[in-house]
N, C-alpha and C. Protein backbone atom coordinates (compact mmCIF):
# COMPACT_ATOMS: atom_id res chain seq x y z
N MET A 1 -34.98 1.11 -21.06
CA MET A 1 -34.05 1.23 -19.97
C MET A 1 -32.62 0.95 -20.44
N ARG A 2 -32.46 -0.07 -21.27
CA ARG A 2 -31.14 -0.41 -21.78
C ARG A 2 -30.55 0.76 -22.58
N ARG A 3 -31.38 1.42 -23.36
CA ARG A 3 -30.92 2.55 -24.17
C ARG A 3 -30.47 3.71 -23.28
N VAL A 4 -31.20 3.98 -22.22
CA VAL A 4 -30.83 5.06 -21.29
C VAL A 4 -29.48 4.75 -20.66
N TRP A 5 -29.29 3.52 -20.25
CA TRP A 5 -28.03 3.12 -19.65
C TRP A 5 -26.88 3.30 -20.64
N LEU A 6 -27.10 2.91 -21.88
CA LEU A 6 -26.07 3.03 -22.91
C LEU A 6 -25.72 4.49 -23.15
N VAL A 7 -26.71 5.35 -23.21
CA VAL A 7 -26.47 6.78 -23.42
C VAL A 7 -25.67 7.35 -22.26
N LEU A 8 -26.03 6.98 -21.03
CA LEU A 8 -25.29 7.46 -19.86
C LEU A 8 -23.85 6.96 -19.88
N LEU A 9 -23.66 5.71 -20.24
CA LEU A 9 -22.32 5.14 -20.29
C LEU A 9 -21.48 5.85 -21.34
N LEU A 10 -22.01 6.03 -22.52
CA LEU A 10 -21.25 6.68 -23.59
C LEU A 10 -20.96 8.13 -23.25
N GLY A 11 -21.90 8.80 -22.62
CA GLY A 11 -21.68 10.17 -22.20
C GLY A 11 -20.58 10.26 -21.17
N GLY A 12 -20.56 9.31 -20.24
CA GLY A 12 -19.52 9.27 -19.23
C GLY A 12 -18.16 8.99 -19.83
N LEU A 13 -18.11 8.09 -20.79
CA LEU A 13 -16.85 7.78 -21.44
C LEU A 13 -16.33 8.97 -22.23
N ALA A 14 -17.23 9.70 -22.86
CA ALA A 14 -16.81 10.89 -23.62
C ALA A 14 -16.20 11.94 -22.71
N SER A 15 -16.68 12.01 -21.48
CA SER A 15 -16.16 13.02 -20.56
C SER A 15 -14.78 12.67 -20.04
N VAL A 16 -14.41 11.39 -20.02
CA VAL A 16 -13.09 11.01 -19.54
C VAL A 16 -12.12 10.70 -20.68
N ALA A 17 -12.60 10.67 -21.90
CA ALA A 17 -11.74 10.36 -23.04
C ALA A 17 -10.50 11.24 -23.11
N PRO A 18 -10.61 12.56 -22.86
CA PRO A 18 -9.39 13.37 -22.91
C PRO A 18 -8.32 12.90 -21.93
N ALA A 19 -8.71 12.43 -20.76
CA ALA A 19 -7.73 11.94 -19.79
C ALA A 19 -7.02 10.70 -20.33
N PHE A 20 -7.73 9.82 -21.01
CA PHE A 20 -7.12 8.62 -21.56
C PHE A 20 -6.14 8.96 -22.67
N ALA A 21 -6.39 10.03 -23.40
CA ALA A 21 -5.57 10.40 -24.54
C ALA A 21 -4.32 11.19 -24.14
N GLN A 22 -4.23 11.68 -22.92
CA GLN A 22 -3.15 12.56 -22.52
C GLN A 22 -1.83 11.86 -22.27
N GLY A 23 -1.80 10.59 -22.14
CA GLY A 23 -0.57 9.91 -21.79
C GLY A 23 -0.19 10.21 -20.35
N ALA A 24 1.07 10.02 -20.04
CA ALA A 24 1.55 10.19 -18.67
C ALA A 24 1.56 11.64 -18.22
N LYS A 25 1.24 12.57 -19.11
CA LYS A 25 1.17 13.98 -18.71
C LYS A 25 0.12 14.20 -17.64
N ILE A 26 -0.83 13.28 -17.53
CA ILE A 26 -1.85 13.44 -16.48
C ILE A 26 -1.23 13.32 -15.10
N PHE A 27 0.00 12.79 -15.02
CA PHE A 27 0.68 12.66 -13.74
C PHE A 27 1.60 13.84 -13.44
N ASP A 28 1.76 14.75 -14.40
CA ASP A 28 2.60 15.93 -14.17
C ASP A 28 2.10 16.70 -12.96
N GLY A 29 2.98 16.98 -12.05
CA GLY A 29 2.63 17.73 -10.85
C GLY A 29 1.98 16.91 -9.76
N ALA A 30 1.83 15.61 -9.99
CA ALA A 30 1.22 14.75 -8.96
C ALA A 30 2.14 14.67 -7.75
N ASP A 31 1.55 14.63 -6.58
CA ASP A 31 2.30 14.55 -5.32
C ASP A 31 2.58 13.07 -5.03
N VAL A 32 3.73 12.61 -5.48
CA VAL A 32 4.09 11.19 -5.37
C VAL A 32 4.23 10.77 -3.90
N SER A 33 4.77 11.64 -3.06
CA SER A 33 4.90 11.27 -1.65
C SER A 33 3.52 11.11 -1.01
N LEU A 34 2.57 11.96 -1.40
CA LEU A 34 1.19 11.79 -0.92
C LEU A 34 0.63 10.46 -1.43
N GLY A 35 0.90 10.13 -2.68
CA GLY A 35 0.43 8.87 -3.24
C GLY A 35 0.93 7.68 -2.45
N ARG A 36 2.21 7.71 -2.08
CA ARG A 36 2.78 6.61 -1.28
C ARG A 36 2.11 6.52 0.09
N GLU A 37 1.89 7.68 0.70
CA GLU A 37 1.20 7.70 2.00
C GLU A 37 -0.20 7.13 1.89
N LEU A 38 -0.91 7.49 0.82
CA LEU A 38 -2.29 7.01 0.64
C LEU A 38 -2.33 5.51 0.37
N ILE A 39 -1.37 5.01 -0.37
CA ILE A 39 -1.29 3.57 -0.64
C ILE A 39 -1.14 2.82 0.68
N ALA A 40 -0.27 3.33 1.55
CA ALA A 40 -0.07 2.69 2.86
C ALA A 40 -1.30 2.84 3.74
N ALA A 41 -1.85 4.04 3.81
CA ALA A 41 -3.00 4.31 4.71
C ALA A 41 -4.24 3.52 4.31
N ASN A 42 -4.42 3.30 3.02
CA ASN A 42 -5.61 2.59 2.55
C ASN A 42 -5.38 1.10 2.35
N ARG A 43 -4.19 0.64 2.74
CA ARG A 43 -3.86 -0.78 2.72
C ARG A 43 -4.06 -1.41 1.34
N CYS A 44 -3.63 -0.68 0.31
CA CYS A 44 -3.79 -1.16 -1.06
C CYS A 44 -3.05 -2.47 -1.29
N VAL A 45 -1.82 -2.56 -0.77
CA VAL A 45 -1.02 -3.76 -0.98
C VAL A 45 -1.70 -4.98 -0.35
N ALA A 46 -2.23 -4.83 0.85
CA ALA A 46 -2.90 -5.94 1.52
C ALA A 46 -4.12 -6.41 0.71
N CYS A 47 -4.86 -5.47 0.16
CA CYS A 47 -6.02 -5.82 -0.66
C CYS A 47 -5.57 -6.58 -1.91
N HIS A 48 -4.50 -6.09 -2.56
CA HIS A 48 -4.01 -6.75 -3.76
C HIS A 48 -3.46 -8.14 -3.44
N GLN A 49 -2.79 -8.27 -2.29
CA GLN A 49 -2.29 -9.60 -1.89
C GLN A 49 -3.45 -10.57 -1.69
N GLN A 50 -4.52 -10.07 -1.11
CA GLN A 50 -5.70 -10.91 -0.88
C GLN A 50 -6.33 -11.33 -2.21
N LYS A 51 -6.32 -10.44 -3.19
CA LYS A 51 -6.94 -10.74 -4.48
C LYS A 51 -6.11 -11.67 -5.35
N VAL A 52 -4.77 -11.44 -5.39
CA VAL A 52 -3.95 -12.20 -6.34
C VAL A 52 -2.86 -13.04 -5.69
N GLY A 53 -2.69 -12.91 -4.38
CA GLY A 53 -1.67 -13.68 -3.68
C GLY A 53 -0.28 -13.08 -3.80
N GLY A 54 0.67 -13.75 -3.23
CA GLY A 54 2.06 -13.29 -3.27
C GLY A 54 2.21 -11.91 -2.66
N ASP A 55 3.04 -11.10 -3.31
CA ASP A 55 3.27 -9.74 -2.81
C ASP A 55 2.23 -8.75 -3.34
N GLY A 56 1.29 -9.24 -4.13
CA GLY A 56 0.21 -8.40 -4.65
C GLY A 56 0.53 -7.71 -5.95
N SER A 57 1.78 -7.75 -6.38
CA SER A 57 2.17 -7.03 -7.59
C SER A 57 1.64 -7.67 -8.87
N ALA A 58 1.19 -8.90 -8.80
CA ALA A 58 0.63 -9.55 -9.99
C ALA A 58 -0.64 -8.87 -10.47
N ILE A 59 -1.22 -8.02 -9.65
CA ILE A 59 -2.43 -7.30 -10.04
C ILE A 59 -2.12 -6.23 -11.07
N TYR A 60 -0.85 -5.80 -11.13
CA TYR A 60 -0.45 -4.78 -12.08
C TYR A 60 -0.18 -5.39 -13.44
N ARG A 61 -0.50 -4.65 -14.43
CA ARG A 61 -0.33 -5.06 -15.83
C ARG A 61 -1.15 -6.30 -16.19
N PRO A 62 -2.42 -6.33 -15.84
CA PRO A 62 -3.22 -7.47 -16.31
C PRO A 62 -3.27 -7.44 -17.84
N ALA A 63 -3.13 -8.58 -18.44
CA ALA A 63 -3.00 -8.70 -19.89
C ALA A 63 -4.07 -7.90 -20.63
N GLY A 64 -3.61 -6.87 -21.33
CA GLY A 64 -4.48 -6.10 -22.19
C GLY A 64 -5.40 -5.10 -21.52
N ARG A 65 -5.42 -5.04 -20.21
CA ARG A 65 -6.39 -4.16 -19.54
C ARG A 65 -5.87 -2.76 -19.31
N ILE A 66 -4.70 -2.62 -18.79
CA ILE A 66 -4.15 -1.32 -18.45
C ILE A 66 -3.00 -1.03 -19.40
N ASN A 67 -3.28 -0.30 -20.47
CA ASN A 67 -2.22 -0.02 -21.44
C ASN A 67 -2.06 1.46 -21.76
N THR A 68 -2.67 2.32 -20.95
CA THR A 68 -2.46 3.76 -21.07
C THR A 68 -2.46 4.36 -19.66
N ALA A 69 -1.89 5.54 -19.56
CA ALA A 69 -1.87 6.24 -18.27
C ALA A 69 -3.29 6.55 -17.81
N GLY A 70 -4.15 6.92 -18.73
CA GLY A 70 -5.53 7.22 -18.38
C GLY A 70 -6.27 6.02 -17.83
N LEU A 71 -6.03 4.86 -18.42
CA LEU A 71 -6.66 3.64 -17.91
C LEU A 71 -6.14 3.29 -16.53
N LEU A 72 -4.86 3.55 -16.30
CA LEU A 72 -4.30 3.31 -14.97
C LEU A 72 -4.98 4.20 -13.94
N ARG A 73 -5.11 5.48 -14.25
CA ARG A 73 -5.78 6.39 -13.33
C ARG A 73 -7.23 5.97 -13.13
N GLY A 74 -7.87 5.53 -14.21
CA GLY A 74 -9.26 5.06 -14.12
C GLY A 74 -9.40 3.84 -13.23
N MET A 75 -8.43 2.96 -13.24
CA MET A 75 -8.48 1.78 -12.38
C MET A 75 -8.35 2.17 -10.92
N VAL A 76 -7.48 3.15 -10.64
CA VAL A 76 -7.36 3.63 -9.26
C VAL A 76 -8.68 4.27 -8.84
N GLU A 77 -9.30 5.01 -9.75
CA GLU A 77 -10.60 5.62 -9.44
C GLU A 77 -11.65 4.54 -9.18
N GLN A 78 -11.56 3.43 -9.93
CA GLN A 78 -12.50 2.34 -9.71
C GLN A 78 -12.33 1.76 -8.30
N CYS A 79 -11.10 1.57 -7.87
CA CYS A 79 -10.87 1.11 -6.49
C CYS A 79 -11.44 2.12 -5.50
N ASN A 80 -11.20 3.39 -5.76
CA ASN A 80 -11.72 4.45 -4.89
C ASN A 80 -13.23 4.34 -4.75
N THR A 81 -13.91 4.14 -5.86
CA THR A 81 -15.37 4.06 -5.86
C THR A 81 -15.86 2.77 -5.21
N GLU A 82 -15.31 1.64 -5.64
CA GLU A 82 -15.77 0.34 -5.13
C GLU A 82 -15.54 0.19 -3.62
N LEU A 83 -14.44 0.73 -3.15
CA LEU A 83 -14.09 0.57 -1.74
C LEU A 83 -14.54 1.76 -0.90
N ASN A 84 -15.19 2.73 -1.55
CA ASN A 84 -15.71 3.91 -0.85
C ASN A 84 -14.61 4.60 -0.03
N LEU A 85 -13.48 4.86 -0.70
CA LEU A 85 -12.33 5.44 -0.02
C LEU A 85 -12.44 6.96 0.15
N SER A 86 -13.31 7.58 -0.61
CA SER A 86 -13.53 9.04 -0.54
C SER A 86 -12.28 9.84 -0.87
N LEU A 87 -11.49 9.35 -1.83
CA LEU A 87 -10.30 10.08 -2.26
C LEU A 87 -10.70 11.21 -3.19
N PHE A 88 -9.99 12.31 -3.09
CA PHE A 88 -10.18 13.43 -4.00
C PHE A 88 -9.48 13.12 -5.32
N PRO A 89 -9.87 13.78 -6.41
CA PRO A 89 -9.24 13.51 -7.71
C PRO A 89 -7.71 13.64 -7.70
N ASP A 90 -7.18 14.63 -6.99
CA ASP A 90 -5.72 14.78 -6.96
C ASP A 90 -5.06 13.64 -6.19
N GLU A 91 -5.77 13.06 -5.24
CA GLU A 91 -5.25 11.92 -4.49
C GLU A 91 -5.24 10.66 -5.36
N VAL A 92 -6.28 10.49 -6.15
CA VAL A 92 -6.33 9.36 -7.09
C VAL A 92 -5.17 9.47 -8.07
N THR A 93 -4.95 10.68 -8.57
CA THR A 93 -3.86 10.90 -9.52
C THR A 93 -2.51 10.64 -8.85
N ALA A 94 -2.36 11.04 -7.60
CA ALA A 94 -1.10 10.81 -6.88
C ALA A 94 -0.81 9.32 -6.74
N ILE A 95 -1.83 8.54 -6.42
CA ILE A 95 -1.65 7.09 -6.30
C ILE A 95 -1.29 6.49 -7.65
N ALA A 96 -2.00 6.90 -8.69
CA ALA A 96 -1.72 6.39 -10.03
C ALA A 96 -0.32 6.77 -10.48
N ALA A 97 0.15 7.95 -10.10
CA ALA A 97 1.50 8.37 -10.46
C ALA A 97 2.54 7.46 -9.81
N VAL A 98 2.32 7.08 -8.57
CA VAL A 98 3.23 6.15 -7.88
C VAL A 98 3.25 4.81 -8.61
N LEU A 99 2.08 4.31 -8.95
CA LEU A 99 2.00 3.02 -9.66
C LEU A 99 2.67 3.11 -11.02
N ASN A 100 2.53 4.26 -11.67
CA ASN A 100 3.17 4.45 -12.96
C ASN A 100 4.70 4.41 -12.80
N GLN A 101 5.21 5.09 -11.79
CA GLN A 101 6.67 5.08 -11.55
C GLN A 101 7.18 3.69 -11.21
N SER A 102 6.40 2.96 -10.42
CA SER A 102 6.87 1.67 -9.92
C SER A 102 6.65 0.50 -10.87
N TYR A 103 5.56 0.53 -11.63
CA TYR A 103 5.19 -0.64 -12.40
C TYR A 103 4.98 -0.41 -13.90
N TYR A 104 4.36 0.68 -14.27
CA TYR A 104 3.89 0.84 -15.64
C TYR A 104 4.84 1.60 -16.54
N ARG A 105 5.35 2.71 -16.06
CA ARG A 105 6.29 3.55 -16.80
C ARG A 105 5.73 4.08 -18.13
N PHE A 106 4.50 4.54 -18.10
CA PHE A 106 3.92 5.19 -19.27
C PHE A 106 4.61 6.54 -19.45
N ARG A 107 4.80 6.94 -20.68
CA ARG A 107 5.44 8.22 -20.98
C ARG A 107 4.47 9.16 -21.63
């Protein structure tokens, strides 16, 4: 069972590896205004405030965790999955693009 899980995990990582390698180009064409609307509609800031306190911005740039544009998009996708937000891929990218502009500034 452990081996099957490992194979599935590695296969999944291989399928997203190109996104991690693309840099901030993955945000090209992203609808930033839609991203801002989705952040407000899904109460992302309130969730982050609940998790880390203050204004919630301490959740961004956790030491060593988010150091590429692809990882940033992946983290937004993780929130989408964990919270069952039912966001489409372009919506996840739009949210990540807003976070990149505001906090990360990956190029």
